[in-house]
Amino acid sequence: MGNVYPILGVVPEREIDGMVDEQGFVTPRGRESLKRMGVETGPAVSIGKSTLRLLVDLHRGWRRPRPRIDPEAELIVGKFLGIPEEDIYLEERLGELRKSFRLGVRVGEGTRIGEGVALGPGVCIGRFCEVSDSCEICAFSTIRDKVYLGKSVFIGKDSEIGPGSRIMPGATVAPRNVVMEKAVIAEGGVFNENNKYR
């Protein structure tokens, strides 16, 4: 239930060389490398090099097996510790992805992802989105088409951002929330109004 981003040191430049062209668009070689990690990208996708490093780093850590806990025991322990049942469900989904060594990340056509963006496993980003620098999109969150995320936006795990929405710089969407279509969240704002599992 902790943070899924491992800190494994610096990814060598040679591992990401040729994955994007001079304009930052993913090359056929880059698309193939990402596909092996379980990251699907549509045509004309732009990803910053430091974001690629984070994905490679996440995938390396992903391949390390984790001791399996009995799901029923985990549910009992989780309830005792006050961990929501939804989080335990997400951990089971993470376990399924981990078995396949795939990150399960999808990025739609024409989407631009800036530098230093942390993408969690199972994240799905729609078509023609703009994800600015230093954003963090946690596990199993869905960003629909034509969404704008300003700099340093945080999207909590298992959240959904409706199409055409604008999340301004420094804003936070709390875990397991649904932001409706064409919504605007103000700069530095915190959204915690429409919980998925009420």
N, C-alpha and C. Protein backbone atom coordinates (compact mmCIF):
# COMPACT_ATOMS: atom_id res chain seq x y z
N MET A 1 0.82 -1.18 0.00
CA MET A 1 0.00 0.00 0.00
C MET A 1 0.87 1.26 0.00
N GLY A 2 2.17 1.07 0.02
CA GLY A 2 3.08 2.21 0.01
C GLY A 2 3.33 2.69 -1.40
N ASN A 3 4.30 3.56 -1.52
CA ASN A 3 4.64 4.13 -2.82
C ASN A 3 5.21 3.06 -3.73
N VAL A 4 4.77 3.03 -5.00
CA VAL A 4 5.22 1.99 -5.92
C VAL A 4 6.43 2.41 -6.73
N TYR A 5 6.96 3.62 -6.53
CA TYR A 5 8.09 4.08 -7.32
C TYR A 5 9.40 3.73 -6.61
N PRO A 6 10.15 2.76 -7.16
CA PRO A 6 11.40 2.40 -6.52
C PRO A 6 12.49 3.42 -6.82
N ILE A 7 13.44 3.53 -5.93
CA ILE A 7 14.59 4.41 -6.17
C ILE A 7 15.77 3.49 -6.44
N LEU A 8 16.13 3.35 -7.69
CA LEU A 8 17.14 2.36 -8.08
C LEU A 8 18.36 3.00 -8.72
N GLY A 9 18.54 4.28 -8.57
CA GLY A 9 19.70 4.91 -9.18
C GLY A 9 19.39 5.47 -10.54
N VAL A 10 20.44 5.89 -11.24
CA VAL A 10 20.30 6.59 -12.51
C VAL A 10 20.22 5.59 -13.66
N VAL A 11 19.30 5.82 -14.59
CA VAL A 11 19.18 4.99 -15.79
C VAL A 11 20.20 5.49 -16.80
N PRO A 12 21.07 4.61 -17.32
CA PRO A 12 22.08 5.04 -18.28
C PRO A 12 21.45 5.65 -19.54
N GLU A 13 22.12 6.65 -20.08
CA GLU A 13 21.64 7.36 -21.29
C GLU A 13 21.42 6.39 -22.44
N ARG A 14 22.29 5.35 -22.56
CA ARG A 14 22.17 4.42 -23.68
C ARG A 14 20.84 3.68 -23.69
N GLU A 15 20.20 3.54 -22.50
CA GLU A 15 18.91 2.83 -22.44
C GLU A 15 17.77 3.64 -23.05
N ILE A 16 17.93 4.95 -23.10
CA ILE A 16 16.85 5.76 -23.66
C ILE A 16 17.24 6.45 -24.97
N ASP A 17 18.51 6.29 -25.39
CA ASP A 17 18.95 6.86 -26.67
C ASP A 17 18.09 6.33 -27.81
N GLY A 18 17.64 7.23 -28.66
CA GLY A 18 16.87 6.85 -29.84
C GLY A 18 15.40 6.54 -29.56
N MET A 19 14.95 6.65 -28.29
CA MET A 19 13.54 6.38 -28.00
C MET A 19 12.65 7.55 -28.43
N VAL A 20 13.22 8.77 -28.42
CA VAL A 20 12.48 9.94 -28.91
C VAL A 20 13.37 10.70 -29.90
N ASP A 21 12.74 11.41 -30.84
CA ASP A 21 13.51 12.21 -31.80
C ASP A 21 13.82 13.59 -31.22
N GLU A 22 14.39 14.48 -32.04
CA GLU A 22 14.79 15.82 -31.59
C GLU A 22 13.61 16.64 -31.05
N GLN A 23 12.42 16.41 -31.59
CA GLN A 23 11.23 17.15 -31.14
C GLN A 23 10.58 16.50 -29.91
N GLY A 24 11.09 15.35 -29.50
CA GLY A 24 10.54 14.68 -28.32
C GLY A 24 9.48 13.64 -28.63
N PHE A 25 9.22 13.38 -29.92
CA PHE A 25 8.21 12.39 -30.29
C PHE A 25 8.80 10.98 -30.23
N VAL A 26 7.99 10.03 -29.77
CA VAL A 26 8.45 8.64 -29.64
C VAL A 26 8.73 8.07 -31.03
N THR A 27 9.92 7.47 -31.19
CA THR A 27 10.33 6.87 -32.46
C THR A 27 9.81 5.43 -32.53
N PRO A 28 9.86 4.81 -33.73
CA PRO A 28 9.47 3.39 -33.81
C PRO A 28 10.28 2.51 -32.84
N ARG A 29 11.58 2.79 -32.71
CA ARG A 29 12.41 2.04 -31.77
C ARG A 29 11.92 2.27 -30.33
N GLY A 30 11.61 3.51 -30.01
CA GLY A 30 11.10 3.84 -28.69
C GLY A 30 9.77 3.16 -28.41
N ARG A 31 8.91 3.14 -29.43
CA ARG A 31 7.59 2.49 -29.28
C ARG A 31 7.77 1.00 -28.97
N GLU A 32 8.75 0.37 -29.67
CA GLU A 32 9.01 -1.05 -29.45
C GLU A 32 9.57 -1.30 -28.05
N SER A 33 10.50 -0.44 -27.61
CA SER A 33 11.08 -0.58 -26.26
C SER A 33 10.01 -0.40 -25.19
N LEU A 34 9.14 0.60 -25.38
CA LEU A 34 8.07 0.85 -24.41
C LEU A 34 7.08 -0.31 -24.39
N LYS A 35 6.81 -0.87 -25.56
CA LYS A 35 5.87 -1.98 -25.65
C LYS A 35 6.37 -3.18 -24.84
N ARG A 36 7.70 -3.43 -24.90
CA ARG A 36 8.27 -4.54 -24.12
C ARG A 36 8.08 -4.33 -22.62
N MET A 37 8.03 -3.06 -22.20
CA MET A 37 7.81 -2.77 -20.78
C MET A 37 6.32 -2.78 -20.42
N GLY A 38 5.46 -2.85 -21.44
CA GLY A 38 4.03 -2.82 -21.18
C GLY A 38 3.46 -1.42 -21.22
N VAL A 39 4.10 -0.54 -22.01
CA VAL A 39 3.62 0.83 -22.20
C VAL A 39 3.21 0.97 -23.66
N GLU A 40 1.91 1.12 -23.90
CA GLU A 40 1.41 1.27 -25.27
C GLU A 40 1.26 2.75 -25.59
N THR A 41 1.74 3.16 -26.77
CA THR A 41 1.61 4.56 -27.18
C THR A 41 0.98 4.64 -28.56
N GLY A 42 0.10 5.62 -28.73
CA GLY A 42 -0.50 5.88 -30.03
C GLY A 42 0.47 6.69 -30.90
N PRO A 43 0.04 7.04 -32.12
CA PRO A 43 0.90 7.84 -32.99
C PRO A 43 1.05 9.28 -32.48
N ALA A 44 2.16 9.90 -32.85
CA ALA A 44 2.45 11.31 -32.53
C ALA A 44 2.42 11.60 -31.03
N VAL A 45 2.97 10.69 -30.23
CA VAL A 45 3.07 10.90 -28.79
C VAL A 45 4.44 11.47 -28.47
N SER A 46 4.46 12.49 -27.63
CA SER A 46 5.70 13.14 -27.21
C SER A 46 5.91 12.88 -25.72
N ILE A 47 7.11 12.37 -25.36
CA ILE A 47 7.42 12.08 -23.95
C ILE A 47 8.81 12.62 -23.64
N GLY A 48 8.93 13.37 -22.54
CA GLY A 48 10.22 13.90 -22.12
C GLY A 48 11.19 12.79 -21.72
N LYS A 49 12.49 13.03 -21.94
CA LYS A 49 13.51 12.01 -21.65
C LYS A 49 13.55 11.63 -20.17
N SER A 50 13.39 12.60 -19.29
CA SER A 50 13.43 12.26 -17.86
C SER A 50 12.22 11.41 -17.47
N THR A 51 11.09 11.60 -18.16
CA THR A 51 9.92 10.76 -17.92
C THR A 51 10.20 9.33 -18.40
N LEU A 52 10.88 9.20 -19.54
CA LEU A 52 11.26 7.87 -20.02
C LEU A 52 12.17 7.18 -19.01
N ARG A 53 13.11 7.93 -18.44
CA ARG A 53 14.01 7.36 -17.42
C ARG A 53 13.20 6.82 -16.24
N LEU A 54 12.20 7.60 -15.80
CA LEU A 54 11.36 7.16 -14.68
C LEU A 54 10.60 5.88 -15.03
N LEU A 55 10.12 5.77 -16.28
CA LEU A 55 9.41 4.56 -16.70
C LEU A 55 10.34 3.35 -16.71
N VAL A 56 11.57 3.54 -17.25
CA VAL A 56 12.54 2.44 -17.28
C VAL A 56 12.89 2.02 -15.85
N ASP A 57 13.08 3.00 -14.98
CA ASP A 57 13.40 2.74 -13.58
C ASP A 57 12.26 1.98 -12.89
N LEU A 58 11.03 2.42 -13.14
CA LEU A 58 9.87 1.74 -12.56
C LEU A 58 9.79 0.30 -13.04
N HIS A 59 10.04 0.09 -14.33
CA HIS A 59 9.96 -1.26 -14.89
C HIS A 59 11.03 -2.17 -14.28
N ARG A 60 12.22 -1.64 -14.07
CA ARG A 60 13.29 -2.43 -13.43
C ARG A 60 12.84 -2.92 -12.05
N GLY A 61 12.29 -2.02 -11.26
CA GLY A 61 11.82 -2.38 -9.93
C GLY A 61 10.64 -3.32 -9.98
N TRP A 62 9.85 -3.18 -11.01
CA TRP A 62 8.65 -3.98 -11.21
C TRP A 62 8.98 -5.45 -11.37
N ARG A 63 10.15 -5.72 -11.95
CA ARG A 63 10.53 -7.10 -12.24
C ARG A 63 11.00 -7.85 -10.99
N ARG A 64 11.22 -7.14 -9.90
CA ARG A 64 11.64 -7.81 -8.67
C ARG A 64 10.44 -8.46 -8.00
N PRO A 65 10.49 -9.76 -7.79
CA PRO A 65 9.33 -10.42 -7.19
C PRO A 65 9.11 -9.97 -5.74
N ARG A 66 7.86 -9.96 -5.35
CA ARG A 66 7.49 -9.53 -4.01
C ARG A 66 6.84 -10.70 -3.28
N PRO A 67 7.12 -10.90 -2.01
CA PRO A 67 6.47 -12.03 -1.32
C PRO A 67 4.95 -11.88 -1.34
N ARG A 68 4.29 -12.95 -1.67
CA ARG A 68 2.83 -12.93 -1.79
C ARG A 68 2.17 -13.10 -0.43
N ILE A 69 1.20 -12.26 -0.17
CA ILE A 69 0.40 -12.38 1.06
C ILE A 69 -0.96 -12.94 0.66
N ASP A 70 -1.47 -13.82 1.47
CA ASP A 70 -2.80 -14.37 1.23
C ASP A 70 -3.82 -13.22 1.19
N PRO A 71 -4.62 -13.11 0.08
CA PRO A 71 -5.55 -11.98 -0.05
C PRO A 71 -6.51 -11.83 1.13
N GLU A 72 -7.00 -12.95 1.69
CA GLU A 72 -7.92 -12.86 2.84
C GLU A 72 -7.22 -12.30 4.06
N ALA A 73 -5.98 -12.76 4.29
CA ALA A 73 -5.20 -12.25 5.42
C ALA A 73 -4.92 -10.77 5.22
N GLU A 74 -4.62 -10.40 3.97
CA GLU A 74 -4.34 -9.00 3.65
C GLU A 74 -5.56 -8.13 3.93
N LEU A 75 -6.73 -8.66 3.60
CA LEU A 75 -7.97 -7.92 3.83
C LEU A 75 -8.21 -7.71 5.33
N ILE A 76 -7.98 -8.75 6.12
CA ILE A 76 -8.15 -8.65 7.58
C ILE A 76 -7.15 -7.66 8.17
N VAL A 77 -5.87 -7.80 7.77
CA VAL A 77 -4.82 -6.90 8.26
C VAL A 77 -5.11 -5.48 7.82
N GLY A 78 -5.54 -5.34 6.56
CA GLY A 78 -5.86 -4.01 6.02
C GLY A 78 -6.96 -3.34 6.81
N LYS A 79 -8.01 -4.08 7.13
CA LYS A 79 -9.12 -3.50 7.91
C LYS A 79 -8.64 -3.12 9.32
N PHE A 80 -7.80 -3.97 9.91
CA PHE A 80 -7.27 -3.69 11.25
C PHE A 80 -6.44 -2.40 11.25
N LEU A 81 -5.67 -2.19 10.17
CA LEU A 81 -4.82 -1.00 10.07
C LEU A 81 -5.57 0.21 9.52
N GLY A 82 -6.82 0.00 9.15
CA GLY A 82 -7.61 1.11 8.62
C GLY A 82 -7.33 1.41 7.16
N ILE A 83 -6.83 0.40 6.42
CA ILE A 83 -6.56 0.58 4.99
C ILE A 83 -7.86 0.28 4.23
N PRO A 84 -8.31 1.21 3.38
CA PRO A 84 -9.57 0.98 2.66
C PRO A 84 -9.53 -0.28 1.81
N GLU A 85 -10.67 -0.94 1.72
CA GLU A 85 -10.78 -2.17 0.92
C GLU A 85 -10.39 -1.93 -0.53
N GLU A 86 -10.67 -0.72 -1.05
CA GLU A 86 -10.33 -0.39 -2.44
C GLU A 86 -8.83 -0.46 -2.67
N ASP A 87 -8.05 -0.06 -1.66
CA ASP A 87 -6.58 -0.11 -1.78
C ASP A 87 -6.10 -1.56 -1.86
N ILE A 88 -6.74 -2.44 -1.11
CA ILE A 88 -6.36 -3.85 -1.13
C ILE A 88 -6.69 -4.43 -2.50
N TYR A 89 -7.84 -4.03 -3.05
CA TYR A 89 -8.22 -4.46 -4.40
C TYR A 89 -7.18 -4.00 -5.43
N LEU A 90 -6.71 -2.74 -5.29
CA LEU A 90 -5.69 -2.23 -6.21
C LEU A 90 -4.40 -3.02 -6.08
N GLU A 91 -4.04 -3.40 -4.86
CA GLU A 91 -2.82 -4.20 -4.65
C GLU A 91 -2.93 -5.53 -5.39
N GLU A 92 -4.12 -6.12 -5.42
CA GLU A 92 -4.32 -7.38 -6.15
C GLU A 92 -4.14 -7.15 -7.64
N ARG A 93 -4.65 -6.03 -8.14
CA ARG A 93 -4.48 -5.70 -9.56
C ARG A 93 -3.00 -5.45 -9.88
N LEU A 94 -2.29 -4.81 -8.96
CA LEU A 94 -0.85 -4.60 -9.15
C LEU A 94 -0.13 -5.94 -9.22
N GLY A 95 -0.55 -6.87 -8.38
CA GLY A 95 0.05 -8.20 -8.38
C GLY A 95 -0.11 -8.89 -9.72
N GLU A 96 -1.27 -8.75 -10.35
CA GLU A 96 -1.51 -9.35 -11.67
C GLU A 96 -0.57 -8.74 -12.72
N LEU A 97 -0.42 -7.41 -12.69
CA LEU A 97 0.50 -6.77 -13.63
C LEU A 97 1.94 -7.21 -13.37
N ARG A 98 2.30 -7.29 -12.10
CA ARG A 98 3.68 -7.64 -11.74
C ARG A 98 4.04 -9.04 -12.26
N LYS A 99 3.08 -9.97 -12.22
CA LYS A 99 3.34 -11.33 -12.72
C LYS A 99 3.74 -11.31 -14.19
N SER A 100 3.17 -10.38 -14.95
CA SER A 100 3.46 -10.31 -16.38
C SER A 100 4.65 -9.41 -16.70
N PHE A 101 5.23 -8.77 -15.67
CA PHE A 101 6.34 -7.81 -15.84
C PHE A 101 5.94 -6.65 -16.74
N ARG A 102 4.67 -6.38 -16.86
CA ARG A 102 4.21 -5.28 -17.71
C ARG A 102 3.64 -4.18 -16.84
N LEU A 103 3.89 -2.94 -17.26
CA LEU A 103 3.41 -1.80 -16.49
C LEU A 103 1.95 -1.49 -16.75
N GLY A 104 1.42 -1.93 -17.90
CA GLY A 104 0.01 -1.70 -18.20
C GLY A 104 -0.34 -0.24 -18.40
N VAL A 105 0.62 0.56 -18.91
CA VAL A 105 0.40 1.99 -19.14
C VAL A 105 -0.01 2.19 -20.60
N ARG A 106 -1.02 3.05 -20.84
CA ARG A 106 -1.44 3.36 -22.21
C ARG A 106 -1.48 4.87 -22.39
N VAL A 107 -0.94 5.33 -23.53
CA VAL A 107 -0.92 6.76 -23.86
C VAL A 107 -1.51 6.91 -25.26
N GLY A 108 -2.55 7.75 -25.39
CA GLY A 108 -3.26 7.90 -26.65
C GLY A 108 -2.58 8.82 -27.65
N GLU A 109 -3.09 8.79 -28.85
CA GLU A 109 -2.57 9.57 -29.98
C GLU A 109 -2.48 11.06 -29.68
N GLY A 110 -1.37 11.67 -30.12
CA GLY A 110 -1.22 13.12 -30.04
C GLY A 110 -1.02 13.69 -28.64
N THR A 111 -0.79 12.83 -27.66
CA THR A 111 -0.60 13.30 -26.28
C THR A 111 0.84 13.73 -26.06
N ARG A 112 1.01 14.82 -25.30
CA ARG A 112 2.34 15.32 -24.98
C ARG A 112 2.57 15.20 -23.47
N ILE A 113 3.67 14.54 -23.11
CA ILE A 113 4.02 14.35 -21.70
C ILE A 113 5.36 15.03 -21.46
N GLY A 114 5.40 15.92 -20.48
CA GLY A 114 6.60 16.71 -20.22
C GLY A 114 7.69 15.95 -19.49
N GLU A 115 8.62 16.70 -18.92
CA GLU A 115 9.77 16.13 -18.20
C GLU A 115 9.41 15.80 -16.76
N GLY A 116 10.04 14.74 -16.25
CA GLY A 116 9.90 14.39 -14.84
C GLY A 116 8.51 13.98 -14.42
N VAL A 117 7.75 13.40 -15.34
CA VAL A 117 6.38 12.97 -15.02
C VAL A 117 6.43 11.52 -14.52
N ALA A 118 5.89 11.27 -13.33
CA ALA A 118 5.85 9.92 -12.76
C ALA A 118 4.52 9.28 -13.10
N LEU A 119 4.57 8.21 -13.89
CA LEU A 119 3.36 7.47 -14.27
C LEU A 119 3.35 6.16 -13.50
N GLY A 120 2.27 5.89 -12.79
CA GLY A 120 2.14 4.64 -12.05
C GLY A 120 1.66 3.51 -12.94
N PRO A 121 1.78 2.28 -12.49
CA PRO A 121 1.29 1.13 -13.26
C PRO A 121 -0.21 1.24 -13.50
N GLY A 122 -0.63 0.77 -14.68
CA GLY A 122 -2.06 0.74 -15.00
C GLY A 122 -2.65 2.09 -15.35
N VAL A 123 -1.81 3.11 -15.53
CA VAL A 123 -2.32 4.45 -15.89
C VAL A 123 -2.73 4.47 -17.36
N CYS A 124 -3.85 5.11 -17.63
CA CYS A 124 -4.34 5.24 -19.01
C CYS A 124 -4.55 6.73 -19.30
N ILE A 125 -3.86 7.23 -20.33
CA ILE A 125 -4.00 8.64 -20.74
C ILE A 125 -4.59 8.65 -22.14
N GLY A 126 -5.64 9.43 -22.33
CA GLY A 126 -6.36 9.47 -23.59
C GLY A 126 -5.63 10.22 -24.70
N ARG A 127 -6.39 10.58 -25.74
CA ARG A 127 -5.85 11.23 -26.93
C ARG A 127 -5.78 12.74 -26.75
N PHE A 128 -4.74 13.34 -27.35
CA PHE A 128 -4.57 14.80 -27.41
C PHE A 128 -4.59 15.47 -26.04
N CYS A 129 -3.95 14.82 -25.08
CA CYS A 129 -3.82 15.41 -23.74
C CYS A 129 -2.49 16.15 -23.64
N GLU A 130 -2.39 17.03 -22.66
CA GLU A 130 -1.12 17.68 -22.36
C GLU A 130 -0.84 17.50 -20.87
N VAL A 131 0.26 16.79 -20.59
CA VAL A 131 0.68 16.55 -19.21
C VAL A 131 1.96 17.35 -19.01
N SER A 132 1.91 18.39 -18.21
CA SER A 132 3.06 19.28 -18.01
C SER A 132 4.13 18.63 -17.14
N ASP A 133 5.27 19.31 -17.02
CA ASP A 133 6.42 18.81 -16.25
C ASP A 133 6.05 18.54 -14.80
N SER A 134 6.75 17.56 -14.22
CA SER A 134 6.73 17.25 -12.78
C SER A 134 5.37 16.82 -12.25
N CYS A 135 4.51 16.30 -13.11
CA CYS A 135 3.22 15.77 -12.63
C CYS A 135 3.42 14.35 -12.08
N GLU A 136 2.50 13.91 -11.26
CA GLU A 136 2.50 12.52 -10.80
C GLU A 136 1.10 11.97 -10.97
N ILE A 137 1.01 10.88 -11.73
CA ILE A 137 -0.27 10.21 -11.96
C ILE A 137 -0.14 8.82 -11.37
N CYS A 138 -0.86 8.57 -10.28
CA CYS A 138 -0.69 7.32 -9.52
C CYS A 138 -1.42 6.15 -10.17
N ALA A 139 -1.15 4.97 -9.65
CA ALA A 139 -1.60 3.69 -10.21
C ALA A 139 -3.09 3.66 -10.53
N PHE A 140 -3.39 3.11 -11.70
CA PHE A 140 -4.73 2.82 -12.19
C PHE A 140 -5.61 4.06 -12.36
N SER A 141 -5.01 5.21 -12.51
CA SER A 141 -5.80 6.41 -12.80
C SER A 141 -6.03 6.52 -14.30
N THR A 142 -7.14 7.13 -14.67
CA THR A 142 -7.51 7.29 -16.08
C THR A 142 -7.68 8.77 -16.39
N ILE A 143 -6.97 9.22 -17.42
CA ILE A 143 -7.09 10.59 -17.91
C ILE A 143 -7.77 10.48 -19.28
N ARG A 144 -8.96 11.01 -19.41
CA ARG A 144 -9.70 10.91 -20.68
C ARG A 144 -9.12 11.86 -21.73
N ASP A 145 -9.74 11.92 -22.91
CA ASP A 145 -9.24 12.72 -24.04
C ASP A 145 -9.25 14.22 -23.76
N LYS A 146 -8.27 14.92 -24.37
CA LYS A 146 -8.17 16.38 -24.39
C LYS A 146 -8.13 17.01 -23.00
N VAL A 147 -7.42 16.37 -22.08
CA VAL A 147 -7.26 16.89 -20.72
C VAL A 147 -5.95 17.65 -20.63
N TYR A 148 -5.96 18.75 -19.91
CA TYR A 148 -4.74 19.52 -19.65
C TYR A 148 -4.39 19.38 -18.17
N LEU A 149 -3.14 18.95 -17.89
CA LEU A 149 -2.63 18.91 -16.53
C LEU A 149 -1.49 19.91 -16.43
N GLY A 150 -1.63 20.93 -15.59
CA GLY A 150 -0.59 21.93 -15.41
C GLY A 150 0.61 21.35 -14.67
N LYS A 151 1.64 22.17 -14.51
CA LYS A 151 2.87 21.74 -13.87
C LYS A 151 2.61 21.29 -12.42
N SER A 152 3.27 20.19 -12.04
CA SER A 152 3.24 19.66 -10.67
C SER A 152 1.85 19.27 -10.18
N VAL A 153 1.00 18.81 -11.08
CA VAL A 153 -0.31 18.30 -10.69
C VAL A 153 -0.14 16.89 -10.12
N PHE A 154 -0.90 16.56 -9.09
CA PHE A 154 -0.88 15.23 -8.49
C PHE A 154 -2.26 14.60 -8.67
N ILE A 155 -2.30 13.43 -9.31
CA ILE A 155 -3.54 12.67 -9.47
C ILE A 155 -3.42 11.42 -8.61
N GLY A 156 -4.26 11.31 -7.59
CA GLY A 156 -4.21 10.16 -6.67
C GLY A 156 -4.62 8.87 -7.35
N LYS A 157 -4.26 7.75 -6.73
CA LYS A 157 -4.51 6.43 -7.32
C LYS A 157 -6.00 6.19 -7.59
N ASP A 158 -6.23 5.47 -8.70
CA ASP A 158 -7.57 5.02 -9.08
C ASP A 158 -8.55 6.19 -9.26
N SER A 159 -8.05 7.33 -9.74
CA SER A 159 -8.92 8.48 -10.03
C SER A 159 -9.22 8.53 -11.52
N GLU A 160 -10.24 9.29 -11.87
CA GLU A 160 -10.61 9.44 -13.28
C GLU A 160 -10.86 10.91 -13.57
N ILE A 161 -10.22 11.41 -14.65
CA ILE A 161 -10.37 12.80 -15.06
C ILE A 161 -11.18 12.82 -16.35
N GLY A 162 -12.33 13.47 -16.33
CA GLY A 162 -13.24 13.50 -17.48
C GLY A 162 -12.67 14.24 -18.67
N PRO A 163 -13.18 13.96 -19.88
CA PRO A 163 -12.67 14.58 -21.10
C PRO A 163 -12.80 16.10 -21.08
N GLY A 164 -11.78 16.76 -21.63
CA GLY A 164 -11.80 18.21 -21.76
C GLY A 164 -11.55 18.97 -20.47
N SER A 165 -11.20 18.28 -19.39
CA SER A 165 -10.97 18.95 -18.11
C SER A 165 -9.63 19.67 -18.09
N ARG A 166 -9.53 20.67 -17.23
CA ARG A 166 -8.29 21.44 -17.05
C ARG A 166 -7.95 21.45 -15.57
N ILE A 167 -6.81 20.83 -15.26
CA ILE A 167 -6.33 20.79 -13.88
C ILE A 167 -5.13 21.73 -13.84
N MET A 168 -5.27 22.84 -13.17
CA MET A 168 -4.26 23.90 -13.19
C MET A 168 -3.04 23.53 -12.34
N PRO A 169 -1.90 24.25 -12.54
CA PRO A 169 -0.65 23.91 -11.86
C PRO A 169 -0.79 23.78 -10.35
N GLY A 170 -0.12 22.76 -9.81
CA GLY A 170 -0.07 22.56 -8.37
C GLY A 170 -1.33 21.99 -7.75
N ALA A 171 -2.32 21.65 -8.57
CA ALA A 171 -3.58 21.11 -8.03
C ALA A 171 -3.42 19.63 -7.68
N THR A 172 -4.30 19.16 -6.80
CA THR A 172 -4.29 17.77 -6.35
C THR A 172 -5.68 17.18 -6.51
N VAL A 173 -5.74 15.98 -7.09
CA VAL A 173 -6.98 15.21 -7.12
C VAL A 173 -6.76 14.04 -6.16
N ALA A 174 -7.57 13.98 -5.11
CA ALA A 174 -7.42 12.94 -4.09
C ALA A 174 -7.69 11.56 -4.68
N PRO A 175 -7.14 10.50 -4.07
CA PRO A 175 -7.35 9.14 -4.58
C PRO A 175 -8.84 8.78 -4.71
N ARG A 176 -9.11 7.94 -5.73
CA ARG A 176 -10.44 7.38 -5.97
C ARG A 176 -11.51 8.45 -6.17
N ASN A 177 -11.18 9.49 -6.93
CA ASN A 177 -12.16 10.54 -7.24
C ASN A 177 -12.41 10.61 -8.73
N VAL A 178 -13.60 11.06 -9.09
CA VAL A 178 -13.98 11.24 -10.49
C VAL A 178 -14.20 12.73 -10.73
N VAL A 179 -13.40 13.30 -11.64
CA VAL A 179 -13.55 14.69 -12.04
C VAL A 179 -14.40 14.67 -13.32
N MET A 180 -15.52 15.36 -13.29
CA MET A 180 -16.47 15.32 -14.40
C MET A 180 -15.93 15.99 -15.66
N GLU A 181 -16.61 15.76 -16.78
CA GLU A 181 -16.24 16.31 -18.08
C GLU A 181 -16.14 17.84 -18.05
N LYS A 182 -15.09 18.36 -18.68
CA LYS A 182 -14.84 19.80 -18.85
C LYS A 182 -14.78 20.57 -17.53
N ALA A 183 -14.39 19.89 -16.46
CA ALA A 183 -14.23 20.55 -15.17
C ALA A 183 -12.94 21.36 -15.15
N VAL A 184 -12.88 22.36 -14.30
CA VAL A 184 -11.67 23.15 -14.10
C VAL A 184 -11.36 23.13 -12.60
N ILE A 185 -10.13 22.71 -12.27
CA ILE A 185 -9.68 22.75 -10.87
C ILE A 185 -8.63 23.84 -10.77
N ALA A 186 -8.86 24.78 -9.89
CA ALA A 186 -8.01 25.97 -9.78
C ALA A 186 -6.59 25.63 -9.36
N GLU A 187 -5.68 26.55 -9.66
CA GLU A 187 -4.27 26.40 -9.31
C GLU A 187 -4.13 26.17 -7.81
N GLY A 188 -3.40 25.10 -7.46
CA GLY A 188 -3.16 24.77 -6.06
C GLY A 188 -4.36 24.19 -5.33
N GLY A 189 -5.46 23.97 -6.05
CA GLY A 189 -6.68 23.44 -5.42
C GLY A 189 -6.59 21.96 -5.11
N VAL A 190 -7.46 21.51 -4.21
CA VAL A 190 -7.55 20.09 -3.86
C VAL A 190 -8.96 19.62 -4.18
N PHE A 191 -9.07 18.58 -5.00
CA PHE A 191 -10.38 18.04 -5.38
C PHE A 191 -10.61 16.74 -4.63
N ASN A 192 -11.69 16.71 -3.83
CA ASN A 192 -12.02 15.51 -3.07
C ASN A 192 -13.54 15.45 -2.90
N GLU A 193 -14.27 15.64 -3.99
CA GLU A 193 -15.72 15.83 -3.90
C GLU A 193 -16.54 14.68 -4.45
N ASN A 194 -15.99 13.89 -5.34
CA ASN A 194 -16.80 12.91 -6.04
C ASN A 194 -16.12 11.54 -5.95
N ASN A 195 -16.18 10.95 -4.77
CA ASN A 195 -15.47 9.70 -4.53
C ASN A 195 -16.12 8.54 -5.29
N LYS A 196 -15.28 7.71 -5.92
CA LYS A 196 -15.75 6.59 -6.73
C LYS A 196 -16.54 5.55 -5.95
N TYR A 197 -16.19 5.33 -4.69
CA TYR A 197 -16.74 4.20 -3.95
C TYR A 197 -17.65 4.59 -2.81
N ARG A 198 -18.39 5.66 -2.94
CA ARG A 198 -19.32 6.06 -1.86
C ARG A 198 -20.50 5.12 -1.81
